[in-house]
Protein backbone atom coordinates (compact mmCIF):
# COMPACT_ATOMS: atom_id res chain seq x y z
CA UNK A 1 80.70 -107.48 -10.71
CA UNK A 2 81.14 -111.14 -10.28
CA UNK A 3 80.22 -112.59 -7.54
CA UNK A 4 82.58 -112.75 -3.87
CA UNK A 5 84.39 -115.86 -3.06
CA UNK A 6 82.66 -116.35 0.35
CA UNK A 7 86.15 -116.72 2.35
CA UNK A 8 86.85 -113.21 0.68
CA UNK A 9 86.80 -110.59 3.91
CA UNK A 10 83.42 -107.84 2.27
CA UNK A 11 84.76 -104.37 1.21
CA UNK A 12 84.24 -101.78 4.04
CA UNK A 13 81.69 -99.34 4.05
CA UNK A 14 84.04 -97.32 5.40
CA UNK A 15 83.91 -94.45 2.11
CA UNK A 16 80.79 -92.51 2.41
CA UNK A 17 78.03 -92.23 -0.38
CA UNK A 18 76.73 -89.06 -1.70
CA UNK A 19 73.49 -87.89 -3.77
CA UNK A 20 74.22 -86.39 -6.93
CA UNK A 21 71.78 -85.91 -10.08
CA UNK A 22 69.50 -88.97 -9.54
CA UNK A 23 71.73 -91.68 -7.94
CA UNK A 24 74.04 -92.56 -4.55
CA UNK A 25 77.31 -92.69 -5.53
CA UNK A 26 80.39 -94.29 -3.75
CA UNK A 27 83.75 -92.77 -4.30
CA UNK A 28 82.74 -91.94 -8.37
CA UNK A 29 80.94 -95.20 -8.70
CA UNK A 30 77.86 -95.85 -9.23
CA UNK A 31 76.18 -97.74 -5.19
CA UNK A 32 73.29 -99.65 -5.62
CA UNK A 33 71.08 -99.75 -2.31
CA UNK A 34 70.91 -104.21 -1.55
CA UNK A 35 69.31 -103.89 1.83
CA UNK A 36 66.62 -105.09 4.74
CA UNK A 37 64.75 -103.42 6.80
CA UNK A 38 66.18 -104.55 10.59
CA UNK A 39 62.90 -103.82 12.96
CA UNK A 40 64.03 -106.13 16.50
CA UNK A 41 61.19 -105.72 18.63
CA UNK A 42 61.30 -106.29 22.41
CA UNK A 43 59.61 -109.85 23.52
CA UNK A 44 57.26 -108.40 25.50
CA UNK A 45 56.07 -105.62 22.72
CA UNK A 46 52.35 -105.21 22.33
CA UNK A 47 52.13 -106.69 18.67
CA UNK A 48 51.78 -104.07 16.39
CA UNK A 49 53.38 -101.06 18.63
CA UNK A 50 56.17 -99.43 16.70
CA UNK A 51 56.74 -97.79 20.01
CA UNK A 52 57.88 -101.08 21.92
CA UNK A 53 61.67 -101.63 19.03
CA UNK A 54 64.35 -102.17 20.48
CA UNK A 55 67.39 -100.02 19.54
CA UNK A 56 69.59 -101.84 17.38
CA UNK A 57 72.65 -100.81 17.42
CA UNK A 58 73.19 -100.08 21.89
CA UNK A 59 75.72 -102.01 23.12
CA UNK A 60 73.35 -104.81 25.14
CA UNK A 61 71.69 -106.05 21.82
CA UNK A 62 75.82 -106.07 19.83
CA UNK A 63 75.57 -109.89 20.34
CA UNK A 64 72.39 -110.04 17.51
CA UNK A 65 73.47 -107.81 15.90
CA UNK A 66 77.05 -109.54 15.11
CA UNK A 67 74.92 -112.94 14.26
CA UNK A 68 72.42 -111.09 11.94
CA UNK A 69 75.20 -109.39 9.96
CA UNK A 70 76.30 -112.32 9.59
CA UNK A 71 72.84 -113.81 7.75
CA UNK A 72 72.68 -110.02 6.04
CA UNK A 73 76.27 -110.30 4.43
CA UNK A 74 74.88 -113.93 3.39
CA UNK A 75 72.56 -112.69 1.18
CA UNK A 76 74.46 -110.45 -0.14
CA UNK A 77 73.13 -107.05 0.66
CA UNK A 78 75.20 -103.89 1.25
CA UNK A 79 72.70 -102.34 3.17
CA UNK A 80 70.14 -101.80 6.03
CA UNK A 81 67.46 -99.98 7.27
CA UNK A 82 66.43 -99.22 11.08
CA UNK A 83 63.25 -97.17 12.37
CA UNK A 84 64.01 -97.31 16.13
CA UNK A 85 67.12 -95.27 16.72
CA UNK A 86 67.76 -94.10 21.02
CA UNK A 87 70.06 -90.53 20.24
CA UNK A 88 70.49 -91.20 24.37
CA UNK A 89 72.57 -94.51 23.66
CA UNK A 90 76.65 -94.94 22.58
CA UNK A 91 76.71 -96.50 18.54
CA UNK A 92 80.52 -97.01 17.70
CA UNK A 93 80.69 -100.56 18.20
CA UNK A 94 77.97 -101.53 16.61
CA UNK A 95 78.33 -98.81 13.53
CA UNK A 96 82.24 -99.78 13.70
CA UNK A 97 80.88 -103.61 13.28
CA UNK A 98 78.44 -102.94 10.44
CA UNK A 99 81.30 -100.95 8.59
CA UNK A 100 83.84 -103.38 8.37
CA UNK A 101 81.13 -105.96 7.19
CA UNK A 102 80.29 -103.51 4.29
CA UNK A 103 77.09 -102.51 5.72
CA UNK A 104 75.22 -99.34 5.35
CA UNK A 105 72.63 -97.82 7.56
CA UNK A 106 69.74 -95.68 6.87
CA UNK A 107 67.56 -93.80 9.55
CA UNK A 108 64.14 -93.02 10.88
CA UNK A 109 64.17 -89.49 11.53
CA UNK A 110 60.96 -87.57 13.61
CA UNK A 111 58.91 -91.02 13.82
CA UNK A 112 57.24 -88.85 16.89
CA UNK A 113 55.92 -86.42 14.45
CA UNK A 114 51.93 -87.01 13.86
CA UNK A 115 48.84 -85.25 12.31
CA UNK A 116 46.28 -83.84 14.60
CA UNK A 117 43.42 -85.66 15.01
CA UNK A 118 41.08 -83.65 13.11
CA UNK A 119 42.07 -81.91 10.28
CA UNK A 120 40.41 -79.31 8.63
CA UNK A 121 38.37 -79.72 5.06
CA UNK A 122 38.06 -76.55 3.29
CA UNK A 123 38.66 -76.42 0.10
CA UNK A 124 39.06 -72.71 -1.04
CA UNK A 125 42.26 -72.25 1.98
CA UNK A 126 44.35 -74.26 1.86
CA UNK A 127 47.46 -73.28 4.23
CA UNK A 128 45.85 -75.04 7.04
CA UNK A 129 48.52 -73.25 8.96
CA UNK A 130 46.84 -73.61 12.76
CA UNK A 131 46.44 -77.13 12.62
CA UNK A 132 49.27 -78.53 11.05
CA UNK A 133 52.70 -75.48 12.09
CA UNK A 134 52.06 -75.96 15.53
CA UNK A 135 53.51 -79.58 15.81
CA UNK A 136 56.96 -79.14 14.60
CA UNK A 137 57.68 -78.20 17.96
CA UNK A 138 61.44 -77.83 20.48
CA UNK A 139 60.84 -81.23 21.34
CA UNK A 140 60.81 -83.24 17.90
CA UNK A 141 63.54 -80.73 16.76
CA UNK A 142 66.13 -81.20 19.61
CA UNK A 143 64.82 -85.30 19.45
CA UNK A 144 65.48 -85.74 15.44
CA UNK A 145 69.03 -83.32 16.35
CA UNK A 146 70.18 -85.71 19.32
CA UNK A 147 70.10 -88.22 16.75
CA UNK A 148 71.84 -86.74 14.07
CA UNK A 149 74.21 -85.84 16.05
CA UNK A 150 74.85 -89.12 17.84
CA UNK A 151 75.39 -90.67 14.06
CA UNK A 152 76.05 -87.58 11.21
CA UNK A 153 80.15 -88.77 12.32
CA UNK A 154 80.29 -92.56 10.67
CA UNK A 155 81.13 -92.87 7.55
CA UNK A 156 78.94 -96.17 6.62
CA UNK A 157 75.94 -93.28 7.41
CA UNK A 158 74.18 -93.65 3.94
CA UNK A 159 71.46 -90.85 4.84
CA UNK A 160 68.42 -90.20 7.24
CA UNK A 161 64.84 -89.78 5.98
CA UNK A 162 62.45 -88.25 6.93
CA UNK A 163 59.28 -90.04 8.40
CA UNK A 164 55.97 -89.07 6.26
CA UNK A 165 53.55 -91.34 8.74
CA UNK A 166 51.60 -88.28 9.66
CA UNK A 167 50.66 -88.51 5.27
CA UNK A 168 48.05 -91.01 4.54
CA UNK A 169 44.94 -89.04 3.90
CA UNK A 170 44.52 -85.71 1.09
CA UNK A 171 42.88 -83.38 3.89
CA UNK A 172 46.56 -84.97 5.60
CA UNK A 173 48.21 -83.57 3.29
CA UNK A 174 49.25 -80.15 4.38
CA UNK A 175 51.53 -81.68 6.78
CA UNK A 176 53.98 -82.21 3.88
CA UNK A 177 54.70 -78.94 5.13
CA UNK A 178 55.81 -79.42 8.15
CA UNK A 179 58.61 -82.37 6.46
CA UNK A 180 59.86 -79.96 4.40
CA UNK A 181 60.83 -77.97 7.57
CA UNK A 182 62.31 -81.66 9.01
CA UNK A 183 63.96 -81.55 5.95
CA UNK A 184 65.66 -77.92 5.78
CA UNK A 185 66.30 -77.64 9.34
CA UNK A 186 67.92 -80.74 9.88
CA UNK A 187 70.29 -79.89 6.86
CA UNK A 188 71.18 -76.61 8.51
CA UNK A 189 72.12 -78.44 11.63
CA UNK A 190 74.08 -80.81 9.48
CA UNK A 191 75.75 -77.82 7.96
CA UNK A 192 76.79 -75.62 11.53
CA UNK A 193 78.53 -78.71 12.30
CA UNK A 194 82.63 -79.03 12.12
CA UNK A 195 83.98 -80.61 10.41
CA UNK A 196 80.70 -83.56 9.29
CA UNK A 197 79.49 -83.67 5.67
CA UNK A 198 76.48 -83.31 4.34
CA UNK A 199 74.62 -86.39 5.25
CA UNK A 200 71.90 -87.32 2.61
CA UNK A 201 68.38 -85.69 3.90
CA UNK A 202 65.81 -87.44 2.79
CA UNK A 203 61.82 -88.45 2.67
CA UNK A 204 59.65 -91.52 2.86
CA UNK A 205 56.67 -92.48 0.57
CA UNK A 206 53.20 -94.17 1.76
CA UNK A 207 52.51 -95.84 -1.51
CA UNK A 208 48.96 -93.99 -2.63
CA UNK A 209 49.63 -93.72 -6.11
CA UNK A 210 46.90 -90.44 -6.25
CA UNK A 211 49.28 -88.68 -3.90
CA UNK A 212 52.68 -89.74 -5.82
CA UNK A 213 53.12 -87.61 -8.71
CA UNK A 214 52.26 -84.40 -6.20
CA UNK A 215 54.55 -86.11 -3.56
CA UNK A 216 57.68 -85.92 -5.84
CA UNK A 217 57.09 -82.88 -7.07
CA UNK A 218 56.11 -81.23 -4.18
CA UNK A 219 59.39 -82.89 -2.20
CA UNK A 220 61.46 -81.68 -4.95
CA UNK A 221 61.18 -78.40 -6.13
CA UNK A 222 62.21 -75.69 -4.31
CA UNK A 223 65.88 -74.68 -3.35
CA UNK A 224 67.91 -77.52 -2.59
CA UNK A 225 68.28 -75.80 1.22
CA UNK A 226 65.12 -77.34 2.15
CA UNK A 227 63.39 -79.75 -0.95
CA UNK A 228 64.38 -83.90 -0.07
CA UNK A 229 68.15 -85.67 -1.36
CA UNK A 230 65.81 -88.76 -2.07
CA UNK A 231 62.15 -90.53 -1.88
CA UNK A 232 61.97 -93.75 -0.27
CA UNK A 233 58.75 -94.94 -1.52
CA UNK A 234 56.78 -98.01 -0.16
CA UNK A 235 55.84 -100.59 -2.53
CA UNK A 236 53.74 -103.93 -2.87
CA UNK A 237 52.27 -104.23 -5.69
CA UNK A 238 54.09 -106.74 -6.68
CA UNK A 239 52.29 -109.34 -5.69
CA UNK A 240 53.21 -113.26 -5.63
CA UNK A 241 54.74 -114.06 -9.26
CA UNK A 242 53.87 -111.25 -11.12
CA UNK A 243 56.51 -109.40 -14.03
CA UNK A 244 57.11 -105.68 -14.79
CA UNK A 245 53.84 -104.78 -16.30
CA UNK A 246 51.11 -106.93 -14.21
CA UNK A 247 52.88 -105.87 -10.98
CA UNK A 248 52.20 -102.46 -12.56
CA UNK A 249 55.76 -101.28 -12.03
CA UNK A 250 56.39 -100.47 -16.03
CA UNK A 251 53.79 -97.63 -15.23
CA UNK A 252 54.95 -96.86 -12.20
CA UNK A 253 58.43 -95.42 -13.48
CA UNK A 254 56.72 -94.45 -17.08
CA UNK A 255 54.77 -92.21 -14.39
CA UNK A 256 57.47 -90.91 -12.38
CA UNK A 257 60.21 -91.05 -14.64
CA UNK A 258 59.87 -87.48 -15.99
CA UNK A 259 57.83 -86.23 -12.88
CA UNK A 260 61.65 -85.94 -10.68
CA UNK A 261 65.12 -85.59 -10.45
CA UNK A 262 65.95 -87.27 -7.60
CA UNK A 263 67.46 -90.13 -6.60
CA UNK A 264 64.58 -92.23 -5.38
CA UNK A 265 64.27 -96.00 -3.83
CA UNK A 266 62.42 -98.77 -2.53
CA UNK A 267 61.48 -98.63 1.15
CA UNK A 268 59.98 -100.93 2.06
CA UNK A 269 59.21 -103.60 -0.47
CA UNK A 270 57.66 -107.79 -0.06
CA UNK A 271 54.13 -108.41 -0.46
CA UNK A 272 53.49 -111.58 0.93
CA UNK A 273 50.32 -113.09 -0.80
CA UNK A 274 51.95 -117.13 -0.07
CA UNK A 275 53.13 -118.69 2.01
CA UNK A 276 56.88 -118.14 1.02
CA UNK A 277 57.00 -115.40 -1.00
CA UNK A 278 59.64 -116.28 -4.17
CA UNK A 279 60.80 -112.90 -4.44
CA UNK A 280 60.80 -112.50 -8.09
CA UNK A 281 60.54 -108.83 -8.06
CA UNK A 282 64.36 -108.24 -6.22
CA UNK A 283 65.19 -109.18 -9.67
CA UNK A 284 63.81 -107.05 -11.68
CA UNK A 285 64.22 -104.30 -9.24
CA UNK A 286 67.32 -104.22 -9.60
CA UNK A 287 67.10 -104.16 -13.53
CA UNK A 288 67.64 -101.80 -16.66
CA UNK A 289 64.21 -101.41 -16.42
CA UNK A 290 64.19 -100.39 -12.98
CA UNK A 291 67.83 -98.60 -11.85
CA UNK A 292 67.36 -96.11 -14.46
CA UNK A 293 64.54 -94.04 -12.52
CA UNK A 294 65.48 -96.32 -9.18
CA UNK A 295 68.42 -96.72 -7.33
CA UNK A 296 67.39 -100.02 -5.00
CA UNK A 297 66.27 -100.78 -2.10
CA UNK A 298 64.78 -102.60 1.79
CA UNK A 299 63.51 -105.64 1.51
CA UNK A 300 60.83 -105.80 4.18
CA UNK A 301 61.70 -107.16 6.23
CA UNK A 302 64.71 -109.08 8.02
CA UNK A 303 63.41 -110.50 11.48
CA UNK A 304 59.89 -112.05 12.44
CA UNK A 305 58.29 -109.60 14.45
CA UNK A 306 54.47 -111.82 14.72
CA UNK A 307 53.22 -110.04 10.98
CA UNK A 308 54.36 -113.14 9.23
CA UNK A 309 56.90 -111.20 6.49
CA UNK A 310 60.39 -112.03 8.49
CA UNK A 311 63.02 -113.93 6.82
CA UNK A 312 64.14 -114.59 10.32
CA UNK A 313 62.32 -116.10 12.99
CA UNK A 314 63.97 -117.08 16.84
CA UNK A 315 63.46 -119.55 18.01
CA UNK A 316 62.53 -120.53 21.86
CA UNK A 317 66.14 -120.72 22.91
CA UNK A 318 66.97 -117.14 20.90
CA UNK A 319 68.09 -118.16 17.68
CA UNK A 320 68.00 -117.27 14.44
CA UNK A 321 66.02 -119.57 12.52
CA UNK A 322 66.22 -119.41 8.43
CA UNK A 323 63.50 -120.92 6.35
CA UNK A 324 62.40 -120.95 2.48
CA UNK A 325 61.97 -116.86 2.22
CA UNK A 326 65.06 -115.83 3.32
CA UNK A 327 66.53 -119.34 1.11
CA UNK A 328 64.54 -117.15 -1.75
CA UNK A 329 65.89 -114.20 -0.97
CA UNK A 330 69.11 -115.03 -0.90
CA UNK A 331 68.99 -116.76 -3.84
CA UNK A 332 67.76 -113.70 -5.95
CA UNK A 333 70.31 -111.57 -4.75
CA UNK A 334 73.54 -114.19 -5.86
CA UNK A 335 71.77 -113.75 -9.05
CA UNK A 336 71.91 -109.85 -9.19
CA UNK A 337 75.40 -109.73 -7.74
CA UNK A 338 76.90 -112.24 -10.62
CA UNK A 339 75.67 -109.44 -13.18
CA UNK A 340 78.25 -106.82 -14.13
CA UNK A 341 77.44 -103.29 -12.54
CA UNK A 342 76.31 -102.23 -16.81
CA UNK A 343 73.40 -104.55 -16.82
CA UNK A 344 71.87 -102.67 -13.53
CA UNK A 345 72.79 -99.42 -13.78
CA UNK A 346 72.06 -96.79 -15.76
CA UNK A 347 74.66 -94.20 -17.00
CA UNK A 348 72.33 -91.37 -17.62
CA UNK A 349 72.50 -88.34 -13.95
CA UNK A 350 69.93 -85.78 -14.32
CA UNK A 351 71.08 -82.79 -13.23
CA UNK A 352 69.07 -82.15 -9.85
CA UNK A 353 72.13 -79.92 -8.59
CA UNK A 354 70.52 -77.09 -10.95
CA UNK A 355 67.15 -77.81 -10.32
CA UNK A 356 64.28 -75.88 -9.23
CA UNK A 357 61.05 -77.38 -9.95
CA UNK A 358 57.56 -75.97 -9.96
CA UNK A 359 54.96 -77.38 -6.77
CA UNK A 360 52.33 -78.76 -7.36
CA UNK A 361 48.79 -77.69 -7.39
CA UNK A 362 46.88 -77.56 -4.57
CA UNK A 363 42.96 -79.37 -5.52
CA UNK A 364 41.27 -81.92 -3.02
CA UNK A 365 43.97 -84.91 -3.36
CA UNK A 366 46.77 -83.14 -2.68
CA UNK A 367 46.69 -80.02 -0.26
CA UNK A 368 50.20 -78.84 0.76
CA UNK A 369 51.92 -75.45 -0.07
CA UNK A 370 55.06 -73.89 -0.95
CA UNK A 371 54.88 -72.37 2.62
CA UNK A 372 56.47 -73.68 5.24
CA UNK A 373 56.95 -73.97 9.17
CA UNK A 374 59.49 -71.32 10.62
CA UNK A 375 62.17 -72.74 12.82
CA UNK A 376 59.87 -73.46 16.03
CA UNK A 377 61.99 -72.10 19.21
CA UNK A 378 65.14 -70.12 19.17
CA UNK A 379 68.45 -72.18 16.94
CA UNK A 380 71.02 -71.23 19.56
CA UNK A 381 69.07 -72.49 22.74
CA UNK A 382 68.13 -75.19 20.75
CA UNK A 383 71.68 -75.41 18.89
CA UNK A 384 73.29 -75.77 22.98
CA UNK A 385 70.45 -78.23 24.62
CA UNK A 386 71.25 -81.15 21.45
CA UNK A 387 75.36 -80.27 22.12
CA UNK A 388 74.96 -79.90 26.32
CA UNK A 389 74.88 -76.93 26.87
CA UNK A 390 71.60 -76.58 28.55
CA UNK A 391 68.99 -78.44 30.74
CA UNK A 392 66.38 -80.68 28.88
CA UNK A 393 64.16 -77.92 27.33
CA UNK A 394 60.91 -77.91 29.96
CA UNK A 395 63.10 -78.55 32.31
């Protein structure tokens, strides 16, 4: 599509995004996610402590959000990804401002889910229920449902992503059974809310190549009520000046493409091996080489948080400062947005809705079965709790 003049207002993000087949759609047209992760941190946080992240959509942070939205819009993006949202806060003003400025919002869910510290290693029995299933408790579900209930009526909510931070070693892969339960019950909760659309519920995936195909197969198999609507994969294999072939992206697409019927996106991308990233991968990600399988993704990351990955920094006076990486990223998206839609999207739509798939076999690298934990506690009591009719659980 042609680049918009700078003085033309953005197209509001008022039309909900849906998934169909292996793609995202907006009002009958394919929607390609052009996003960036947005993770403001508390100024007194300990380095690497995600629990000290601020809620960027809460009213106290509205002035900073408005300043950041202007810079994000200047990058030519249409989406942001959030890791930390407080379900007890009001987000109406922030979501309305993002909607008016054409920005959709992806939100992580079940962030506090953790794998047991000691997972059993029994290659003859991959049903590690005694270790993993108890991690799926009523507190975890109540917190997640409260966040879903808080955000579900905003039209620019792009989707929820069930976090997979708990799957990082072969012996932890039985946690996929718990993640599948998270997806199933979140979808059921959305269905139970009157007048609420069925918001896409996906799952994130780590960057480990050995478990990539089993994860794709696992979360796309079985009944639609408990499988993922999409998968968001971290990808840092494109490092510095590279190419579709050298980076391994061609191999990744060729391996994943035949295995999945569901939409794929990059939850994070943007490896840093030099002082300033050229962001060459943006041009490739939004090309026909990739869009037959991937529907875009989120560059990492907007604000500097102590790891030198932010494209915007905050000086001692609290002012936003853009650097060369911001300028490079803006240049790449300017090139992408100047292309016609036909040049960046495949027309093929796979029949995911009619797909059942097959679960991957259990072995030494993948140990999750098709069985999932039951809903923890009493469904009606949890729902009434979430909707405010009961005192908090455990009181």
